[in-house]
Protein backbone atom coordinates (compact mmCIF):
# COMPACT_ATOMS: atom_id res chain seq x y z
CA UNK A 1 -25.31 -58.61 -17.57
CA UNK A 2 -25.88 -54.89 -17.14
CA UNK A 3 -27.86 -54.76 -20.37
CA UNK A 4 -30.20 -57.54 -19.18
CA UNK A 5 -30.56 -55.97 -15.73
CA UNK A 6 -31.35 -52.65 -17.36
CA UNK A 7 -34.14 -54.15 -19.52
CA UNK A 8 -35.72 -55.90 -16.53
CA UNK A 9 -35.41 -52.84 -14.28
CA UNK A 10 -36.97 -50.53 -16.87
CA UNK A 11 -39.93 -52.88 -17.38
CA UNK A 12 -40.56 -53.26 -13.63
CA UNK A 13 -40.20 -49.49 -13.20
CA UNK A 14 -42.91 -48.91 -15.84
CA UNK A 15 -45.27 -51.45 -14.29
CA UNK A 16 -44.90 -50.27 -10.69
CA UNK A 17 -44.32 -46.55 -11.37
CA UNK A 18 -41.37 -46.71 -8.97
CA UNK A 19 -37.65 -46.09 -9.34
CA UNK A 20 -35.87 -49.41 -9.84
CA UNK A 21 -32.06 -49.49 -9.73
CA UNK A 22 -29.82 -52.01 -11.47
CA UNK A 23 -28.76 -53.30 -8.07
CA UNK A 24 -32.40 -54.14 -7.31
CA UNK A 25 -32.16 -56.88 -9.93
CA UNK A 26 -30.33 -59.68 -8.14
CA UNK A 27 -28.42 -62.71 -9.33
CA UNK A 28 -29.46 -65.48 -6.90
CA UNK A 29 -26.67 -67.36 -5.15
CA UNK A 30 -28.64 -70.57 -5.52
CA UNK A 31 -29.44 -71.44 -9.11
CA UNK A 32 -33.25 -71.34 -8.91
CA UNK A 33 -33.13 -68.59 -11.52
CA UNK A 34 -30.73 -66.42 -13.49
CA UNK A 35 -32.15 -63.13 -12.20
CA UNK A 36 -34.56 -62.16 -9.43
CA UNK A 37 -36.47 -59.10 -8.24
CA UNK A 38 -37.50 -58.91 -4.56
CA UNK A 39 -40.97 -57.33 -4.58
CA UNK A 40 -40.64 -56.79 -0.82
CA UNK A 41 -38.68 -53.61 -1.61
CA UNK A 42 -41.69 -52.09 -3.36
CA UNK A 43 -44.28 -53.34 -0.87
CA UNK A 44 -43.80 -50.58 1.70
CA UNK A 45 -43.94 -47.80 -0.91
CA UNK A 46 -47.02 -49.26 -2.59
CA UNK A 47 -48.60 -50.30 0.70
CA UNK A 48 -49.36 -53.69 -0.83
CA UNK A 49 -48.67 -57.37 -0.21
CA UNK A 50 -45.24 -58.32 -1.70
CA UNK A 51 -46.51 -61.71 -2.86
CA UNK A 52 -49.38 -60.02 -4.68
CA UNK A 53 -46.97 -57.53 -6.30
CA UNK A 54 -44.75 -60.43 -7.40
CA UNK A 55 -47.69 -62.33 -8.93
CA UNK A 56 -48.83 -59.25 -10.84
CA UNK A 57 -45.30 -58.64 -12.19
CA UNK A 58 -44.98 -62.27 -13.25
CA UNK A 59 -48.27 -62.08 -15.12
CA UNK A 60 -47.47 -58.75 -16.81
CA UNK A 61 -43.90 -59.70 -17.79
CA UNK A 62 -44.36 -63.25 -19.08
CA UNK A 63 -44.70 -62.01 -22.67
CA UNK A 64 -41.41 -60.08 -22.54
CA UNK A 65 -39.25 -61.28 -25.47
CA UNK A 66 -36.13 -61.91 -23.43
CA UNK A 67 -37.92 -64.11 -20.84
CA UNK A 68 -38.14 -67.86 -21.28
CA UNK A 69 -39.79 -68.57 -17.91
CA UNK A 70 -40.92 -66.58 -14.88
CA UNK A 71 -42.17 -67.69 -11.48
CA UNK A 72 -42.85 -66.35 -8.00
CA UNK A 73 -40.98 -67.80 -5.03
CA UNK A 74 -40.69 -67.24 -1.29
CA UNK A 75 -42.17 -64.13 0.31
CA UNK A 76 -42.22 -62.20 -2.94
CA UNK A 77 -39.33 -62.97 -5.29
CA UNK A 78 -39.90 -62.80 -9.03
CA UNK A 79 -37.47 -65.26 -10.63
CA UNK A 80 -36.49 -64.85 -14.28
CA UNK A 81 -34.86 -67.28 -16.70
CA UNK A 82 -33.93 -65.81 -20.06
CA UNK A 83 -34.10 -67.00 -23.63
CA UNK A 84 -30.63 -68.45 -24.34
CA UNK A 85 -30.40 -66.72 -27.70
CA UNK A 86 -30.45 -63.41 -25.80
CA UNK A 87 -27.05 -64.22 -24.29
CA UNK A 88 -25.71 -65.08 -27.74
CA UNK A 89 -27.00 -61.77 -29.10
CA UNK A 90 -25.41 -59.78 -26.26
CA UNK A 91 -22.14 -61.68 -26.69
CA UNK A 92 -22.11 -61.04 -30.43
CA UNK A 93 -22.81 -57.33 -29.98
CA UNK A 94 -20.09 -57.06 -27.33
CA UNK A 95 -17.48 -58.82 -29.46
CA UNK A 96 -18.26 -56.57 -32.41
CA UNK A 97 -17.38 -53.49 -30.39
CA UNK A 98 -13.84 -52.19 -30.75
CA UNK A 99 -12.96 -52.83 -27.11
CA UNK A 100 -15.64 -55.42 -26.27
CA UNK A 101 -17.70 -52.89 -24.38
CA UNK A 102 -15.01 -51.94 -21.87
CA UNK A 103 -15.26 -48.39 -20.55
CA UNK A 104 -12.54 -45.81 -20.94
CA UNK A 105 -10.25 -45.66 -17.91
CA UNK A 106 -8.78 -42.54 -16.44
CA UNK A 107 -5.01 -42.40 -16.59
CA UNK A 108 -2.16 -41.62 -18.96
CA UNK A 109 0.39 -44.40 -19.20
CA UNK A 110 3.81 -44.34 -20.84
CA UNK A 111 5.36 -47.68 -21.83
CA UNK A 112 9.05 -47.55 -22.72
CA UNK A 113 10.46 -50.63 -24.41
CA UNK A 114 12.95 -51.84 -27.02
CA UNK A 115 15.29 -48.83 -26.68
CA UNK A 116 18.25 -50.12 -28.72
CA UNK A 117 21.63 -48.43 -28.66
CA UNK A 118 22.99 -46.32 -31.48
CA UNK A 119 25.24 -48.15 -33.99
CA UNK A 120 24.42 -51.62 -32.60
CA UNK A 121 22.08 -54.12 -34.26
CA UNK A 122 19.31 -55.52 -32.09
CA UNK A 123 20.09 -59.09 -31.03
CA UNK A 124 17.93 -62.09 -30.12
CA UNK A 125 17.70 -60.81 -26.54
CA UNK A 126 15.65 -57.87 -27.82
CA UNK A 127 12.99 -60.30 -29.06
CA UNK A 128 11.67 -60.88 -25.54
CA UNK A 129 11.74 -57.18 -24.68
CA UNK A 130 9.98 -56.13 -27.88
CA UNK A 131 7.27 -58.77 -27.46
CA UNK A 132 6.65 -58.05 -23.77
CA UNK A 133 6.60 -54.29 -24.26
CA UNK A 134 4.25 -54.45 -27.23
CA UNK A 135 1.98 -56.92 -25.44
CA UNK A 136 1.82 -54.67 -22.39
CA UNK A 137 0.99 -51.50 -24.30
CA UNK A 138 -1.69 -53.31 -26.36
CA UNK A 139 -3.36 -54.72 -23.23
CA UNK A 140 -3.32 -51.34 -21.49
CA UNK A 141 -4.87 -49.68 -24.56
CA UNK A 142 -7.51 -52.39 -24.83
CA UNK A 143 -8.68 -52.01 -21.24
CA UNK A 144 -9.07 -48.28 -21.77
CA UNK A 145 -5.96 -46.41 -20.68
CA UNK A 146 -4.52 -43.49 -22.65
CA UNK A 147 -1.23 -45.13 -23.64
CA UNK A 148 1.91 -43.71 -25.23
CA UNK A 149 4.48 -46.27 -26.39
CA UNK A 150 8.02 -44.89 -26.56
CA UNK A 151 11.23 -46.16 -28.12
CA UNK A 152 13.88 -44.33 -26.08
CA UNK A 153 17.12 -44.83 -28.01
CA UNK A 154 20.49 -44.95 -26.28
CA UNK A 155 22.07 -42.30 -28.50
CA UNK A 156 24.28 -40.31 -26.11
CA UNK A 157 27.42 -40.93 -24.12
CA UNK A 158 30.96 -42.29 -24.36
CA UNK A 159 30.15 -45.31 -26.53
CA UNK A 160 29.07 -43.09 -29.37
CA UNK A 161 32.34 -41.24 -29.23
CA UNK A 162 33.97 -44.65 -29.57
CA UNK A 163 32.09 -45.40 -32.80
CA UNK A 164 33.02 -42.02 -34.27
CA UNK A 165 36.68 -42.42 -33.31
CA UNK A 166 36.70 -45.93 -34.81
CA UNK A 167 35.23 -44.54 -38.02
CA UNK A 168 37.92 -41.86 -38.14
CA UNK A 169 40.58 -44.58 -37.77
CA UNK A 170 39.30 -47.33 -40.04
CA UNK A 171 35.97 -46.22 -41.51
CA UNK A 172 34.90 -46.25 -45.13
CA UNK A 173 32.36 -43.78 -46.51
CA UNK A 174 31.45 -46.28 -49.23
CA UNK A 175 30.75 -49.09 -46.75
CA UNK A 176 28.84 -46.71 -44.51
CA UNK A 177 26.56 -45.82 -47.41
CA UNK A 178 26.21 -49.42 -48.62
CA UNK A 179 25.58 -51.19 -45.30
CA UNK A 180 25.70 -48.66 -42.46
CA UNK A 181 24.75 -50.89 -39.52
CA UNK A 182 27.19 -53.67 -40.38
CA UNK A 183 30.00 -51.18 -40.88
CA UNK A 184 29.30 -49.24 -37.67
CA UNK A 185 29.09 -52.44 -35.65
CA UNK A 186 32.28 -53.89 -37.13
CA UNK A 187 34.12 -50.69 -36.23
CA UNK A 188 32.72 -50.75 -32.69
CA UNK A 189 33.87 -54.35 -32.12
CA UNK A 190 37.29 -53.67 -33.67
CA UNK A 191 37.86 -50.67 -31.39
CA UNK A 192 37.16 -52.81 -28.32
CA UNK A 193 39.47 -55.54 -29.56
CA UNK A 194 42.34 -53.11 -30.02
CA UNK A 195 41.50 -50.63 -27.27
CA UNK A 196 44.22 -49.30 -24.98
CA UNK A 197 44.17 -46.35 -22.60
CA UNK A 198 45.16 -43.90 -25.34
CA UNK A 199 42.34 -45.14 -27.59
CA UNK A 200 39.82 -44.81 -24.76
CA UNK A 201 40.97 -41.26 -24.11
CA UNK A 202 40.58 -40.33 -27.79
CA UNK A 203 37.07 -41.82 -27.81
CA UNK A 204 36.15 -39.76 -24.75
CA UNK A 205 37.39 -36.66 -26.53
CA UNK A 206 35.02 -37.35 -29.43
CA UNK A 207 32.17 -37.83 -26.95
CA UNK A 208 32.96 -34.47 -25.44
CA UNK A 209 33.10 -32.90 -28.90
CA UNK A 210 29.56 -34.16 -29.56
CA UNK A 211 28.33 -32.64 -26.29
CA UNK A 212 30.06 -29.34 -27.09
CA UNK A 213 28.39 -29.18 -30.51
CA UNK A 214 31.51 -29.70 -32.65
CA UNK A 215 30.32 -29.60 -36.27
CA UNK A 216 32.20 -32.68 -37.54
CA UNK A 217 31.35 -34.78 -34.48
CA UNK A 218 27.67 -33.83 -34.53
CA UNK A 219 27.39 -34.48 -38.27
CA UNK A 220 28.77 -38.01 -37.90
CA UNK A 221 26.65 -38.65 -34.81
CA UNK A 222 23.49 -37.56 -36.66
CA UNK A 223 24.35 -39.85 -39.58
CA UNK A 224 24.91 -42.82 -37.27
CA UNK A 225 21.68 -42.10 -35.39
CA UNK A 226 19.62 -41.83 -38.56
CA UNK A 227 21.18 -45.04 -39.92
CA UNK A 228 20.34 -46.89 -36.70
CA UNK A 229 16.68 -45.83 -36.79
CA UNK A 230 16.36 -46.73 -40.49
CA UNK A 231 17.94 -50.15 -39.85
CA UNK A 232 15.48 -50.96 -37.05
CA UNK A 233 12.28 -49.81 -38.77
CA UNK A 234 11.88 -52.92 -41.01
CA UNK A 235 12.43 -55.15 -37.96
CA UNK A 236 9.60 -53.43 -36.10
CA UNK A 237 7.44 -53.69 -39.23
CA UNK A 238 8.04 -57.45 -39.42
CA UNK A 239 7.10 -57.77 -35.75
CA UNK A 240 4.05 -55.50 -36.30
CA UNK A 241 5.25 -53.11 -33.58
CA UNK A 242 4.39 -49.42 -33.75
CA UNK A 243 5.64 -46.68 -31.45
CA UNK A 244 3.80 -43.48 -30.70
CA UNK A 245 7.11 -41.69 -30.45
CA UNK A 246 10.81 -42.36 -30.96
CA UNK A 247 13.05 -40.31 -28.68
CA UNK A 248 16.54 -40.63 -27.26
CA UNK A 249 18.90 -39.70 -24.46
CA UNK A 250 20.18 -36.83 -26.60
CA UNK A 251 16.85 -35.02 -26.20
CA UNK A 252 17.36 -34.64 -22.44
CA UNK A 253 21.16 -34.28 -22.42
CA UNK A 254 21.02 -30.55 -21.73
CA UNK A 255 18.48 -31.04 -18.94
CA UNK A 256 20.82 -33.69 -17.53
CA UNK A 257 23.50 -31.04 -17.11
CA UNK A 258 20.99 -28.84 -15.29
CA UNK A 259 20.03 -31.76 -13.04
CA UNK A 260 23.62 -32.03 -11.83
CA UNK A 261 23.71 -28.37 -10.82
CA UNK A 262 20.30 -28.57 -9.18
CA UNK A 263 21.32 -31.72 -7.31
CA UNK A 264 24.43 -30.02 -5.97
CA UNK A 265 22.42 -27.00 -4.81
CA UNK A 266 19.87 -29.19 -3.04
CA UNK A 267 22.51 -31.37 -1.43
CA UNK A 268 21.35 -34.48 -3.29
CA UNK A 269 24.73 -34.82 -5.04
CA UNK A 270 28.25 -34.42 -3.71
CA UNK A 271 31.56 -33.57 -5.38
CA UNK A 272 34.45 -36.00 -5.07
CA UNK A 273 38.11 -35.05 -4.76
CA UNK A 274 38.73 -35.88 -8.42
CA UNK A 275 35.97 -33.47 -9.53
CA UNK A 276 33.35 -36.10 -10.32
CA UNK A 277 29.81 -35.68 -8.99
CA UNK A 278 28.12 -38.57 -7.23
CA UNK A 279 25.14 -39.44 -5.04
CA UNK A 280 25.66 -41.05 -1.64
CA UNK A 281 22.55 -43.17 -1.03
CA UNK A 282 21.70 -43.64 2.61
CA UNK A 283 20.48 -47.12 1.75
CA UNK A 284 23.67 -49.19 1.46
CA UNK A 285 21.96 -51.72 -0.79
CA UNK A 286 21.73 -49.06 -3.52
CA UNK A 287 25.47 -48.23 -3.45
CA UNK A 288 26.86 -44.86 -4.51
CA UNK A 289 26.73 -43.88 -8.16
CA UNK A 290 28.41 -41.21 -10.29
CA UNK A 291 26.16 -38.74 -12.15
CA UNK A 292 28.95 -36.72 -13.81
CA UNK A 293 32.50 -37.92 -14.43
CA UNK A 294 35.63 -35.95 -13.66
CA UNK A 295 35.91 -34.99 -17.35
CA UNK A 296 32.49 -33.30 -17.21
CA UNK A 297 30.55 -36.00 -19.07
CA UNK A 298 27.13 -37.00 -17.72
CA UNK A 299 25.95 -40.60 -17.48
CA UNK A 300 22.72 -42.22 -18.58
CA UNK A 301 21.30 -42.19 -15.04
CA UNK A 302 21.66 -38.39 -15.12
CA UNK A 303 19.68 -38.21 -18.33
CA UNK A 304 17.14 -40.72 -16.98
CA UNK A 305 16.49 -38.40 -14.03
CA UNK A 306 15.85 -35.53 -16.45
CA UNK A 307 13.59 -37.75 -18.55
CA UNK A 308 11.48 -39.00 -15.65
CA UNK A 309 10.91 -35.38 -14.56
CA UNK A 310 9.94 -34.51 -18.14
CA UNK A 311 7.40 -37.35 -18.25
CA UNK A 312 5.76 -36.19 -15.05
CA UNK A 313 5.53 -32.67 -16.52
CA UNK A 314 3.82 -34.20 -19.59
CA UNK A 315 1.06 -35.41 -17.30
CA UNK A 316 1.65 -39.16 -17.24
CA UNK A 317 0.15 -41.01 -14.28
CA UNK A 318 2.09 -44.24 -14.76
CA UNK A 319 5.59 -44.59 -16.23
CA UNK A 320 6.61 -48.15 -17.17
CA UNK A 321 10.10 -49.33 -18.14
CA UNK A 322 10.27 -52.75 -19.82
CA UNK A 323 13.93 -53.60 -19.25
CA UNK A 324 15.93 -56.72 -18.33
CA UNK A 325 16.74 -57.64 -14.73
CA UNK A 326 20.38 -56.60 -15.13
CA UNK A 327 19.14 -53.03 -14.68
CA UNK A 328 17.37 -53.71 -11.35
CA UNK A 329 19.86 -51.63 -9.34
CA UNK A 330 19.76 -48.79 -11.86
CA UNK A 331 15.99 -48.41 -11.55
CA UNK A 332 16.04 -48.60 -7.76
CA UNK A 333 18.56 -45.76 -7.80
CA UNK A 334 16.58 -43.83 -10.43
CA UNK A 335 13.26 -44.04 -8.56
CA UNK A 336 14.99 -43.04 -5.32
CA UNK A 337 16.49 -39.97 -6.99
CA UNK A 338 13.24 -39.09 -8.76
CA UNK A 339 11.54 -38.90 -5.37
CA UNK A 340 14.30 -36.63 -4.07
CA UNK A 341 13.78 -34.34 -7.05
CA UNK A 342 10.08 -34.07 -6.21
CA UNK A 343 8.51 -36.51 -8.68
CA UNK A 344 5.43 -37.49 -6.68
CA UNK A 345 2.40 -37.24 -8.97
CA UNK A 346 3.52 -40.02 -11.33
CA UNK A 347 4.12 -43.64 -10.38
CA UNK A 348 7.06 -45.42 -12.04
CA UNK A 349 7.61 -49.17 -12.31
CA UNK A 350 10.38 -51.36 -13.69
CA UNK A 351 8.75 -54.22 -15.61
CA UNK A 352 11.71 -56.58 -15.41
CA UNK A 353 12.32 -59.67 -17.52
CA UNK A 354 15.06 -62.27 -17.61
CA UNK A 355 18.22 -62.36 -19.69
CA UNK A 356 19.01 -64.65 -22.60
CA UNK A 357 22.31 -66.52 -22.26
CA UNK A 358 24.27 -68.50 -24.81
CA UNK A 359 25.98 -71.79 -23.96
CA UNK A 360 29.27 -69.95 -23.50
CA UNK A 361 27.77 -67.12 -21.44
CA UNK A 362 26.03 -63.80 -22.02
CA UNK A 363 26.03 -62.04 -25.36
CA UNK A 364 28.21 -58.96 -25.61
CA UNK A 365 27.95 -56.36 -28.36
CA UNK A 366 31.51 -55.19 -27.74
CA UNK A 367 32.82 -58.75 -28.19
CA UNK A 368 30.78 -59.27 -31.34
CA UNK A 369 29.21 -62.53 -30.15
CA UNK A 370 25.57 -61.61 -30.67
CA UNK A 371 22.85 -63.33 -32.68
CA UNK A 372 21.17 -60.62 -34.73
CA UNK A 373 17.44 -60.30 -34.27
CA UNK A 374 16.87 -59.81 -37.98
CA UNK A 375 18.55 -63.18 -38.64
CA UNK A 376 16.35 -64.90 -36.04
CA UNK A 377 13.18 -63.45 -37.58
CA UNK A 378 14.26 -64.46 -41.09
CA UNK A 379 15.09 -67.98 -39.92
CA UNK A 380 11.73 -68.25 -38.17
CA UNK A 381 9.88 -67.22 -41.34
CA UNK A 382 11.89 -69.69 -43.44
CA UNK A 383 11.15 -72.55 -41.02
CA UNK A 384 7.43 -71.69 -41.01
CA UNK A 385 7.36 -71.69 -44.81
CA UNK A 386 9.25 -74.98 -44.90
CA UNK A 387 6.77 -76.52 -42.44
CA UNK A 388 3.85 -75.27 -44.53
CA UNK A 389 5.36 -76.74 -47.71
CA UNK A 390 6.08 -80.09 -46.03
CA UNK A 391 2.51 -80.22 -44.66
CA UNK A 392 1.15 -79.48 -48.13
CA UNK A 393 3.28 -82.23 -49.69
CA UNK A 394 2.18 -84.68 -46.98
CA UNK A 395 -1.50 -83.81 -47.51
CA UNK A 396 -1.19 -84.22 -51.30
CA UNK A 397 0.55 -87.58 -50.87
CA UNK A 398 -2.12 -88.72 -48.40
CA UNK A 399 -4.89 -87.67 -50.81
CA UNK A 400 -3.24 -89.50 -53.73
CA UNK A 401 -2.72 -92.61 -51.60
CA UNK A 402 -6.38 -92.61 -50.51
CA UNK A 403 -7.55 -92.21 -54.11
CA UNK A 404 -5.32 -95.13 -55.18
CA UNK A 405 -6.79 -97.30 -52.42
CA UNK A 406 -10.32 -96.42 -53.56
CA UNK A 407 -9.48 -97.46 -57.13
CA UNK A 408 -8.05 -100.76 -55.90
CA UNK A 409 -11.16 -101.47 -53.82
CA UNK A 410 -13.58 -100.59 -56.66
CA UNK A 411 -15.49 -103.78 -57.60
CA UNK A 412 -15.22 -105.11 -61.13
CA UNK A 413 -18.31 -104.97 -63.40
């Protein structure tokens, strides 16, 4: 519409030797015409009769290529109806543009989605998250925002000490090389099946060794992290999902430690009798939450606080988390704490989605009752191929049957 208005305004401007704005070209509420120019606006400047101005414009503009018909109405309106092919031309040109003519928008947006955990295969529940997150970042890009899509891997914390401890107990270097994800996941499930208090304590020790930079622990952790990323890459390729950056909790673990000390100094956090550090939310609906355990280990909310501060420092205007509804409380707590730590120039939102449940309840990685996403994708492809083959067979049979009927109906000589 702007292009048409611009052409009409420029022509009227040339004819009248007056400034004509786009807003001077009106779209009538009643459908007498597609566009209209009120000559009354020019009458006072030209010291002329508006009806006379309108008649002169109509006469001078009737040969304009884009105009199908032109007439004068009322006290001095010039009504235009355009050649219909002009709309088709504008539509074609618009569609051929990369973003259909949409202007760039101001604003840097970060979209975090997928975010699988280390040493665990993505399950069917990740399908919804991956699709929603990718859809959201594509739409935001298309309408002109400066978007960064981020896969923020859960690669730090107690659970990763559990996988390492399980590998030390029952692991096989050969199986880890041959099929790393299957082996890591089997070990993780086995540890939970046989876990007792002593086992949990040993796993926590390995987690602490990772945080302290123990060479053996870090080497195994790096191998498991690399194997997890390599396992997931073909899945993202099959889903045609690309991330601008792949990060993880480990990248802000050190800052998480600093956050605890800063929170204590500012009175945001409190120390419990057992030595753990927690936050006492004034809003009872948020409930208190621990940010550092009594053994000195930080939690993922601690690292999330550090990460949200980092994103504001990177200059993002909008920070979106595409995560299931089971994390509603976590994000309410996180956004509350971010405000207390002075995050005020970046808006954060939890883009929540529902959970997928099996007939016998929710899936649990630790129980081993998940449906792997890679299996779901493979099955979907197989079913699509089967449907295509069956359709082809049906079409061939229909064609052969029709040809047979034609031969039967063919008259004898």
